[in-house]
Amino acid sequence: WRLEGLSALFLAAQEKGYFGAEGLDVVIEPGVGS
């Protein structure tokens, strides 16, 4: 879904560099239903 609530865990992995630390270039897009 859009950026809200629990999607913060994905944003945290970006902003804190956790994806980068694993050698990943992750692009996140909001969805329209699970």
Full PDB file with SEQRES, HELIX, SHEET, SSBOND, CRYST1, ORIGX, SCALE, CONECT and MASTER records, all heavy atoms in Angstrom:
SEQRES   1 A   34  TRP ARG LEU GLU GLY LEU SER ALA LEU PHE LEU ALA ALA          
SEQRES   2 A   34  GLN GLU LYS GLY TYR PHE GLY ALA GLU GLY LEU ASP VAL          
SEQRES   3 A   34  VAL ILE GLU PRO GLY VAL GLY SER                              
HELIX    1 AA1 GLY A    5  SER A    7  5                                   3    
HELIX    2 AA2 ALA A    8  GLU A   15  1                                   8    
HELIX    3 AA3 TYR A   18  ALA A   21  1                                   4    
CRYST1    1.000    1.000    1.000  90.00  90.00  90.00 P 1           1          
ORIGX1      1.000000  0.000000  0.000000        0.00000                         
ORIGX2      0.000000  1.000000  0.000000        0.00000                         
ORIGX3      0.000000  0.000000  1.000000        0.00000                         
SCALE1      1.000000  0.000000  0.000000        0.00000                         
SCALE2      0.000000  1.000000  0.000000        0.00000                         
SCALE3      0.000000  0.000000  1.000000        0.00000                         
ATOM      1  N   TRP A   1       0.856  -1.184   0.000  1.00  0.00           N  
ATOM      2  CA  TRP A   1       0.000   0.000   0.000  1.00  0.00           C  
ATOM      3  C   TRP A   1       0.881   1.220   0.000  1.00  0.00           C  
ATOM      4  O   TRP A   1       2.099   1.122  -0.165  1.00  0.00           O  
ATOM      5  CB  TRP A   1      -0.936  -0.068   1.222  1.00  0.00           C  
ATOM      6  CG  TRP A   1      -2.076   0.908   1.245  1.00  0.00           C  
ATOM      7  CD1 TRP A   1      -2.348   1.804   2.221  1.00  0.00           C  
ATOM      8  CD2 TRP A   1      -3.105   1.072   0.260  1.00  0.00           C  
ATOM      9  NE1 TRP A   1      -3.489   2.520   1.919  1.00  0.00           N  
ATOM     10  CE2 TRP A   1      -3.973   2.088   0.714  1.00  0.00           C  
ATOM     11  CE3 TRP A   1      -3.384   0.461  -0.974  1.00  0.00           C  
ATOM     12  CZ2 TRP A   1      -5.084   2.523  -0.012  1.00  0.00           C  
ATOM     13  CZ3 TRP A   1      -4.498   0.886  -1.691  1.00  0.00           C  
ATOM     14  CH2 TRP A   1      -5.332   1.900  -1.207  1.00  0.00           C  
ATOM     15  N   ARG A   2       0.279   2.374   0.216  1.00  0.00           N  
ATOM     16  CA  ARG A   2       1.067   3.598   0.239  1.00  0.00           C  
ATOM     17  C   ARG A   2       1.954   3.622   1.489  1.00  0.00           C  
ATOM     18  O   ARG A   2       1.852   2.752   2.360  1.00  0.00           O  
ATOM     19  CB  ARG A   2       0.143   4.807   0.216  1.00  0.00           C  
ATOM     20  CG  ARG A   2      -0.792   4.888   1.396  1.00  0.00           C  
ATOM     21  CD  ARG A   2      -1.867   5.927   1.151  1.00  0.00           C  
ATOM     22  NE  ARG A   2      -2.809   5.999   2.245  1.00  0.00           N  
ATOM     23  CZ  ARG A   2      -3.987   6.601   2.150  1.00  0.00           C  
ATOM     24  NH1 ARG A   2      -4.346   7.176   1.018  1.00  0.00           N  
ATOM     25  NH2 ARG A   2      -4.810   6.633   3.199  1.00  0.00           N  
ATOM     26  N   LEU A   3       2.775   4.646   1.589  1.00  0.00           N  
ATOM     27  CA  LEU A   3       3.695   4.743   2.711  1.00  0.00           C  
ATOM     28  C   LEU A   3       2.953   5.130   3.980  1.00  0.00           C  
ATOM     29  O   LEU A   3       2.520   6.274   4.152  1.00  0.00           O  
ATOM     30  CB  LEU A   3       4.781   5.781   2.416  1.00  0.00           C  
ATOM     31  CG  LEU A   3       5.738   5.430   1.272  1.00  0.00           C  
ATOM     32  CD1 LEU A   3       6.718   6.561   1.047  1.00  0.00           C  
ATOM     33  CD2 LEU A   3       6.467   4.134   1.554  1.00  0.00           C  
ATOM     34  N   GLU A   4       2.790   4.152   4.868  1.00  0.00           N  
ATOM     35  CA  GLU A   4       2.119   4.396   6.129  1.00  0.00           C  
ATOM     36  C   GLU A   4       2.465   3.283   7.098  1.00  0.00           C  
ATOM     37  O   GLU A   4       2.776   2.157   6.702  1.00  0.00           O  
ATOM     38  CB  GLU A   4       0.593   4.479   5.934  1.00  0.00           C  
ATOM     39  CG  GLU A   4      -0.021   3.218   5.360  1.00  0.00           C  
ATOM     40  CD  GLU A   4      -1.533   3.321   5.167  1.00  0.00           C  
ATOM     41  OE1 GLU A   4      -2.024   4.426   4.861  1.00  0.00           O  
ATOM     42  OE2 GLU A   4      -2.215   2.295   5.323  1.00  0.00           O  
ATOM     43  N   GLY A   5       2.400   3.594   8.388  1.00  0.00           N  
ATOM     44  CA  GLY A   5       2.555   2.589   9.428  1.00  0.00           C  
ATOM     45  C   GLY A   5       3.755   1.683   9.263  1.00  0.00           C  
ATOM     46  O   GLY A   5       4.914   2.098   9.334  1.00  0.00           O  
ATOM     47  N   LEU A   6       3.463   0.419   9.015  1.00  0.00           N  
ATOM     48  CA  LEU A   6       4.494  -0.610   9.001  1.00  0.00           C  
ATOM     49  C   LEU A   6       5.483  -0.481   7.852  1.00  0.00           C  
ATOM     50  O   LEU A   6       6.583  -1.037   7.910  1.00  0.00           O  
ATOM     51  CB  LEU A   6       3.834  -1.989   8.976  1.00  0.00           C  
ATOM     52  CG  LEU A   6       4.700  -3.182   9.385  1.00  0.00           C  
ATOM     53  CD1 LEU A   6       5.242  -3.006  10.798  1.00  0.00           C  
ATOM     54  CD2 LEU A   6       3.920  -4.479   9.270  1.00  0.00           C  
ATOM     55  N   SER A   7       5.133   0.253   6.803  1.00  0.00           N  
ATOM     56  CA  SER A   7       6.089   0.417   5.707  1.00  0.00           C  
ATOM     57  C   SER A   7       7.318   1.196   6.160  1.00  0.00           C  
ATOM     58  O   SER A   7       8.327   1.242   5.442  1.00  0.00           O  
ATOM     59  CB  SER A   7       5.431   1.114   4.510  1.00  0.00           C  
ATOM     60  OG  SER A   7       4.883   2.361   4.865  1.00  0.00           O  
ATOM     61  N   ALA A   8       7.266   1.763   7.364  1.00  0.00           N  
ATOM     62  CA  ALA A   8       8.442   2.441   7.914  1.00  0.00           C  
ATOM     63  C   ALA A   8       9.630   1.502   8.044  1.00  0.00           C  
ATOM     64  O   ALA A   8      10.786   1.937   8.007  1.00  0.00           O  
ATOM     65  CB  ALA A   8       8.116   3.045   9.274  1.00  0.00           C  
ATOM     66  N   LEU A   9       9.381   0.200   8.194  1.00  0.00           N  
ATOM     67  CA  LEU A   9      10.509  -0.723   8.333  1.00  0.00           C  
ATOM     68  C   LEU A   9      11.341  -0.753   7.058  1.00  0.00           C  
ATOM     69  O   LEU A   9      12.574  -0.904   7.102  1.00  0.00           O  
ATOM     70  CB  LEU A   9      10.036  -2.123   8.716  1.00  0.00           C  
ATOM     71  CG  LEU A   9       9.527  -3.082   7.633  1.00  0.00           C  
ATOM     72  CD1 LEU A   9      10.669  -3.972   7.128  1.00  0.00           C  
ATOM     73  CD2 LEU A   9       8.392  -3.936   8.142  1.00  0.00           C  
ATOM     74  N   PHE A  10      10.707  -0.609   5.899  1.00  0.00           N  
ATOM     75  CA  PHE A  10      11.432  -0.583   4.633  1.00  0.00           C  
ATOM     76  C   PHE A  10      12.201   0.725   4.486  1.00  0.00           C  
ATOM     77  O   PHE A  10      13.340   0.740   4.011  1.00  0.00           O  
ATOM     78  CB  PHE A  10      10.457  -0.752   3.463  1.00  0.00           C  
ATOM     79  CG  PHE A  10       9.748  -2.076   3.455  1.00  0.00           C  
ATOM     80  CD1 PHE A  10       8.542  -2.248   4.124  1.00  0.00           C  
ATOM     81  CD2 PHE A  10      10.300  -3.168   2.798  1.00  0.00           C  
ATOM     82  CE1 PHE A  10       7.889  -3.467   4.133  1.00  0.00           C  
ATOM     83  CE2 PHE A  10       9.655  -4.397   2.801  1.00  0.00           C  
ATOM     84  CZ  PHE A  10       8.446  -4.549   3.475  1.00  0.00           C  
ATOM     85  N   LEU A  11      11.569   1.822   4.911  1.00  0.00           N  
ATOM     86  CA  LEU A  11      12.243   3.110   4.855  1.00  0.00           C  
ATOM     87  C   LEU A  11      13.436   3.150   5.804  1.00  0.00           C  
ATOM     88  O   LEU A  11      14.483   3.722   5.488  1.00  0.00           O  
ATOM     89  CB  LEU A  11      11.262   4.233   5.200  1.00  0.00           C  
ATOM     90  CG  LEU A  11       9.979   4.315   4.365  1.00  0.00           C  
ATOM     91  CD1 LEU A  11       9.197   5.569   4.740  1.00  0.00           C  
ATOM     92  CD2 LEU A  11      10.285   4.299   2.884  1.00  0.00           C  
ATOM     93  N   ALA A  12      13.288   2.543   6.973  1.00  0.00           N  
ATOM     94  CA  ALA A  12      14.394   2.516   7.930  1.00  0.00           C  
ATOM     95  C   ALA A  12      15.576   1.756   7.364  1.00  0.00           C  
ATOM     96  O   ALA A  12      16.742   2.151   7.552  1.00  0.00           O  
ATOM     97  CB  ALA A  12      13.933   1.883   9.240  1.00  0.00           C  
ATOM     98  N   ALA A  13      15.290   0.654   6.656  1.00  0.00           N  
ATOM     99  CA  ALA A  13      16.383  -0.117   6.053  1.00  0.00           C  
ATOM    100  C   ALA A  13      17.128   0.705   5.019  1.00  0.00           C  
ATOM    101  O   ALA A  13      18.333   0.520   4.817  1.00  0.00           O  
ATOM    102  CB  ALA A  13      15.828  -1.396   5.418  1.00  0.00           C  
ATOM    103  N   GLN A  14      16.419   1.654   4.365  1.00  0.00           N  
ATOM    104  CA  GLN A  14      17.083   2.566   3.428  1.00  0.00           C  
ATOM    105  C   GLN A  14      17.854   3.650   4.148  1.00  0.00           C  
ATOM    106  O   GLN A  14      19.054   3.825   3.954  1.00  0.00           O  
ATOM    107  CB  GLN A  14      16.047   3.219   2.508  1.00  0.00           C  
ATOM    108  CG  GLN A  14      15.622   2.384   1.324  1.00  0.00           C  
ATOM    109  CD  GLN A  14      14.828   3.202   0.325  1.00  0.00           C  
ATOM    110  OE1 GLN A  14      14.203   4.196   0.674  1.00  0.00           O  
ATOM    111  NE2 GLN A  14      14.843   2.771  -0.915  1.00  0.00           N  
ATOM    112  N   GLU A  15      17.132   4.407   4.987  1.00  0.00           N  
ATOM    113  CA  GLU A  15      17.740   5.598   5.583  1.00  0.00           C  
ATOM    114  C   GLU A  15      18.899   5.269   6.508  1.00  0.00           C  
ATOM    115  O   GLU A  15      19.842   6.058   6.624  1.00  0.00           O  
ATOM    116  CB  GLU A  15      16.673   6.400   6.339  1.00  0.00           C  
ATOM    117  CG  GLU A  15      15.693   7.112   5.437  1.00  0.00           C  
ATOM    118  CD  GLU A  15      15.036   8.297   6.110  1.00  0.00           C  
ATOM    119  OE1 GLU A  15      15.375   8.593   7.282  1.00  0.00           O  
ATOM    120  OE2 GLU A  15      14.184   8.930   5.462  1.00  0.00           O  
ATOM    121  N   LYS A  16      18.837   4.135   7.172  1.00  0.00           N  
ATOM    122  CA  LYS A  16      19.913   3.748   8.077  1.00  0.00           C  
ATOM    123  C   LYS A  16      21.052   3.036   7.366  1.00  0.00           C  
ATOM    124  O   LYS A  16      22.043   2.664   7.997  1.00  0.00           O  
ATOM    125  CB  LYS A  16      19.364   2.856   9.191  1.00  0.00           C  
ATOM    126  CG  LYS A  16      18.363   3.548  10.112  1.00  0.00           C  
ATOM    127  CD  LYS A  16      19.032   4.689  10.878  1.00  0.00           C  
ATOM    128  CE  LYS A  16      18.052   5.392  11.796  1.00  0.00           C  
ATOM    129  NZ  LYS A  16      18.715   6.468  12.580  1.00  0.00           N  
ATOM    130  N   GLY A  17      20.924   2.847   6.059  1.00  0.00           N  
ATOM    131  CA  GLY A  17      22.003   2.225   5.292  1.00  0.00           C  
ATOM    132  C   GLY A  17      22.066   0.716   5.396  1.00  0.00           C  
ATOM    133  O   GLY A  17      23.070   0.109   5.023  1.00  0.00           O  
ATOM    134  N   TYR A  18      20.990   0.072   5.902  1.00  0.00           N  
ATOM    135  CA  TYR A  18      21.027  -1.384   6.063  1.00  0.00           C  
ATOM    136  C   TYR A  18      21.036  -2.104   4.717  1.00  0.00           C  
ATOM    137  O   TYR A  18      21.715  -3.125   4.564  1.00  0.00           O  
ATOM    138  CB  TYR A  18      19.846  -1.863   6.897  1.00  0.00           C  
ATOM    139  CG  TYR A  18      19.754  -1.234   8.272  1.00  0.00           C  
ATOM    140  CD1 TYR A  18      18.527  -1.091   8.912  1.00  0.00           C  
ATOM    141  CD2 TYR A  18      20.890  -0.776   8.940  1.00  0.00           C  
ATOM    142  CE1 TYR A  18      18.438  -0.519  10.171  1.00  0.00           C  
ATOM    143  CE2 TYR A  18      20.813  -0.205  10.201  1.00  0.00           C  
ATOM    144  CZ  TYR A  18      19.572  -0.072  10.806  1.00  0.00           C  
ATOM    145  OH  TYR A  18      19.485   0.503  12.048  1.00  0.00           O  
ATOM    146  N   PHE A  19      20.283  -1.585   3.748  1.00  0.00           N  
ATOM    147  CA  PHE A  19      20.339  -2.165   2.406  1.00  0.00           C  
ATOM    148  C   PHE A  19      21.750  -1.998   1.825  1.00  0.00           C  
ATOM    149  O   PHE A  19      22.328  -2.924   1.248  1.00  0.00           O  
ATOM    150  CB  PHE A  19      19.334  -1.491   1.477  1.00  0.00           C  
ATOM    151  CG  PHE A  19      17.899  -1.838   1.731  1.00  0.00           C  
ATOM    152  CD1 PHE A  19      16.913  -0.871   1.596  1.00  0.00           C  
ATOM    153  CD2 PHE A  19      17.516  -3.119   2.102  1.00  0.00           C  
ATOM    154  CE1 PHE A  19      15.585  -1.170   1.817  1.00  0.00           C  
ATOM    155  CE2 PHE A  19      16.183  -3.428   2.332  1.00  0.00           C  
ATOM    156  CZ  PHE A  19      15.213  -2.448   2.196  1.00  0.00           C  
ATOM    157  N   GLY A  20      22.278  -0.785   1.973  1.00  0.00           N  
ATOM    158  CA  GLY A  20      23.609  -0.517   1.434  1.00  0.00           C  
ATOM    159  C   GLY A  20      24.675  -1.394   2.048  1.00  0.00           C  
ATOM    160  O   GLY A  20      25.596  -1.845   1.367  1.00  0.00           O  
ATOM    161  N   ALA A  21      24.553  -1.652   3.344  1.00  0.00           N  
ATOM    162  CA  ALA A  21      25.526  -2.497   4.030  1.00  0.00           C  
ATOM    163  C   ALA A  21      25.529  -3.915   3.486  1.00  0.00           C  
ATOM    164  O   ALA A  21      26.528  -4.640   3.610  1.00  0.00           O  
ATOM    165  CB  ALA A  21      25.243  -2.509   5.530  1.00  0.00           C  
ATOM    166  N   GLU A  22      24.408  -4.319   2.874  1.00  0.00           N  
ATOM    167  CA  GLU A  22      24.304  -5.652   2.284  1.00  0.00           C  
ATOM    168  C   GLU A  22      24.633  -5.641   0.791  1.00  0.00           C  
ATOM    169  O   GLU A  22      24.487  -6.654   0.102  1.00  0.00           O  
ATOM    170  CB  GLU A  22      22.886  -6.206   2.487  1.00  0.00           C  
ATOM    171  CG  GLU A  22      22.475  -6.377   3.939  1.00  0.00           C  
ATOM    172  CD  GLU A  22      23.194  -7.512   4.636  1.00  0.00           C  
ATOM    173  OE1 GLU A  22      23.881  -8.310   3.945  1.00  0.00           O  
ATOM    174  OE2 GLU A  22      23.084  -7.615   5.876  1.00  0.00           O  
ATOM    175  N   GLY A  23      25.075  -4.472   0.275  1.00  0.00           N  
ATOM    176  CA  GLY A  23      25.404  -4.379  -1.144  1.00  0.00           C  
ATOM    177  C   GLY A  23      24.190  -4.355  -2.043  1.00  0.00           C  
ATOM    178  O   GLY A  23      24.230  -4.863  -3.176  1.00  0.00           O  
ATOM    179  N   LEU A  24      23.093  -3.756  -1.569  1.00  0.00           N  
ATOM    180  CA  LEU A  24      21.854  -3.725  -2.328  1.00  0.00           C  
ATOM    181  C   LEU A  24      21.480  -2.299  -2.708  1.00  0.00           C  
ATOM    182  O   LEU A  24      21.674  -1.361  -1.924  1.00  0.00           O  
ATOM    183  CB  LEU A  24      20.708  -4.321  -1.500  1.00  0.00           C  
ATOM    184  CG  LEU A  24      20.923  -5.720  -0.922  1.00  0.00           C  
ATOM    185  CD1 LEU A  24      19.725  -6.108  -0.061  1.00  0.00           C  
ATOM    186  CD2 LEU A  24      21.172  -6.740  -2.018  1.00  0.00           C  
ATOM    187  N   ASP A  25      20.944  -2.128  -3.892  1.00  0.00           N  
ATOM    188  CA  ASP A  25      20.388  -0.860  -4.354  1.00  0.00           C  
ATOM    189  C   ASP A  25      18.885  -1.075  -4.488  1.00  0.00           C  
ATOM    190  O   ASP A  25      18.397  -1.566  -5.502  1.00  0.00           O  
ATOM    191  CB  ASP A  25      21.003  -0.462  -5.693  1.00  0.00           C  
ATOM    192  CG  ASP A  25      20.316   0.736  -6.323  1.00  0.00           C  
ATOM    193  OD1 ASP A  25      19.757   1.547  -5.562  1.00  0.00           O  
ATOM    194  OD2 ASP A  25      20.322   0.853  -7.566  1.00  0.00           O  
ATOM    195  N   VAL A  26      18.135  -0.752  -3.440  1.00  0.00           N  
ATOM    196  CA  VAL A  26      16.710  -1.050  -3.377  1.00  0.00           C  
ATOM    197  C   VAL A  26      15.890   0.198  -3.696  1.00  0.00           C  
ATOM    198  O   VAL A  26      16.065   1.245  -3.071  1.00  0.00           O  
ATOM    199  CB  VAL A  26      16.314  -1.585  -1.987  1.00  0.00           C  
ATOM    200  CG1 VAL A  26      14.815  -1.863  -1.934  1.00  0.00           C  
ATOM    201  CG2 VAL A  26      17.101  -2.858  -1.665  1.00  0.00           C  
ATOM    202  N   VAL A  27      15.004   0.077  -4.671  1.00  0.00           N  
ATOM    203  CA  VAL A  27      14.048   1.127  -5.006  1.00  0.00           C  
ATOM    204  C   VAL A  27      12.669   0.627  -4.584  1.00  0.00           C  
ATOM    205  O   VAL A  27      12.254  -0.462  -4.974  1.00  0.00           O  
ATOM    206  CB  VAL A  27      14.061   1.454  -6.508  1.00  0.00           C  
ATOM    207  CG1 VAL A  27      12.941   2.432  -6.855  1.00  0.00           C  
ATOM    208  CG2 VAL A  27      15.412   2.030  -6.917  1.00  0.00           C  
ATOM    209  N   ILE A  28      11.978   1.420  -3.785  1.00  0.00           N  
ATOM    210  CA  ILE A  28      10.692   1.030  -3.222  1.00  0.00           C  
ATOM    211  C   ILE A  28       9.574   1.810  -3.907  1.00  0.00           C  
ATOM    212  O   ILE A  28       9.702   3.015  -4.128  1.00  0.00           O  
ATOM    213  CB  ILE A  28      10.653   1.311  -1.709  1.00  0.00           C  
ATOM    214  CG1 ILE A  28      11.767   0.536  -0.991  1.00  0.00           C  
ATOM    215  CG2 ILE A  28       9.301   0.954  -1.118  1.00  0.00           C  
ATOM    216  CD1 ILE A  28      11.948   0.945   0.453  1.00  0.00           C  
ATOM    217  N   GLU A  29       8.493   1.116  -4.232  1.00  0.00           N  
ATOM    218  CA  GLU A  29       7.333   1.804  -4.803  1.00  0.00           C  
ATOM    219  C   GLU A  29       6.087   1.441  -4.011  1.00  0.00           C  
ATOM    220  O   GLU A  29       5.859   0.266  -3.689  1.00  0.00           O  
ATOM    221  CB  GLU A  29       7.135   1.427  -6.265  1.00  0.00           C  
ATOM    222  CG  GLU A  29       5.968   2.178  -6.891  1.00  0.00           C  
ATOM    223  CD  GLU A  29       5.929   2.099  -8.397  1.00  0.00           C  
ATOM    224  OE1 GLU A  29       6.997   1.973  -9.015  1.00  0.00           O  
ATOM    225  OE2 GLU A  29       4.824   2.156  -8.959  1.00  0.00           O  
ATOM    226  N   PRO A  30       5.247   2.426  -3.691  1.00  0.00           N  
ATOM    227  CA  PRO A  30       3.982   2.134  -3.012  1.00  0.00           C  
ATOM    228  C   PRO A  30       3.096   1.252  -3.882  1.00  0.00           C  
ATOM    229  O   PRO A  30       3.165   1.295  -5.110  1.00  0.00           O  
ATOM    230  CB  PRO A  30       3.355   3.520  -2.813  1.00  0.00           C  
ATOM    231  CG  PRO A  30       4.511   4.470  -2.901  1.00  0.00           C  
ATOM    232  CD  PRO A  30       5.472   3.865  -3.872  1.00  0.00           C  
ATOM    233  N   GLY A  31       2.245   0.459  -3.232  1.00  0.00           N  
ATOM    234  CA  GLY A  31       1.362  -0.438  -3.953  1.00  0.00           C  
ATOM    235  C   GLY A  31      -0.085  -0.001  -3.879  1.00  0.00           C  
ATOM    236  O   GLY A  31      -0.418   1.058  -3.338  1.00  0.00           O  
ATOM    237  N   VAL A  32      -0.960  -0.843  -4.409  1.00  0.00           N  
ATOM    238  CA  VAL A  32      -2.394  -0.537  -4.435  1.00  0.00           C  
ATOM    239  C   VAL A  32      -3.208  -1.695  -3.873  1.00  0.00           C  
ATOM    240  O   VAL A  32      -4.370  -1.865  -4.196  1.00  0.00           O  
ATOM    241  CB  VAL A  32      -2.864  -0.197  -5.866  1.00  0.00           C  
ATOM    242  CG1 VAL A  32      -2.267   1.113  -6.329  1.00  0.00           C  
ATOM    243  CG2 VAL A  32      -2.502  -1.316  -6.843  1.00  0.00           C  
ATOM    244  N   GLY A  33      -2.577  -2.506  -3.018  1.00  0.00           N  
ATOM    245  CA  GLY A  33      -3.280  -3.621  -2.408  1.00  0.00           C  
ATOM    246  C   GLY A  33      -2.378  -4.831  -2.274  1.00  0.00           C  
ATOM    247  O   GLY A  33      -1.646  -5.178  -3.198  1.00  0.00           O  
ATOM    248  N   SER A  34      -2.428  -5.475  -1.101  1.00  0.00           N  
ATOM    249  CA  SER A  34      -1.517  -6.591  -0.833  1.00  0.00           C  
ATOM    250  C   SER A  34      -1.799  -7.814  -1.699  1.00  0.00           C  
ATOM    251  O   SER A  34      -0.901  -8.599  -1.982  1.00  0.00           O  
ATOM    252  CB  SER A  34      -1.591  -6.979   0.648  1.00  0.00           C  
ATOM    253  OG  SER A  34      -2.903  -7.373   1.007  1.00  0.00           O  
TER     254      SER A  34                                                      
MASTER        0    0    0    3    0    0    0    6  253    1    0    3          
END                                                                             
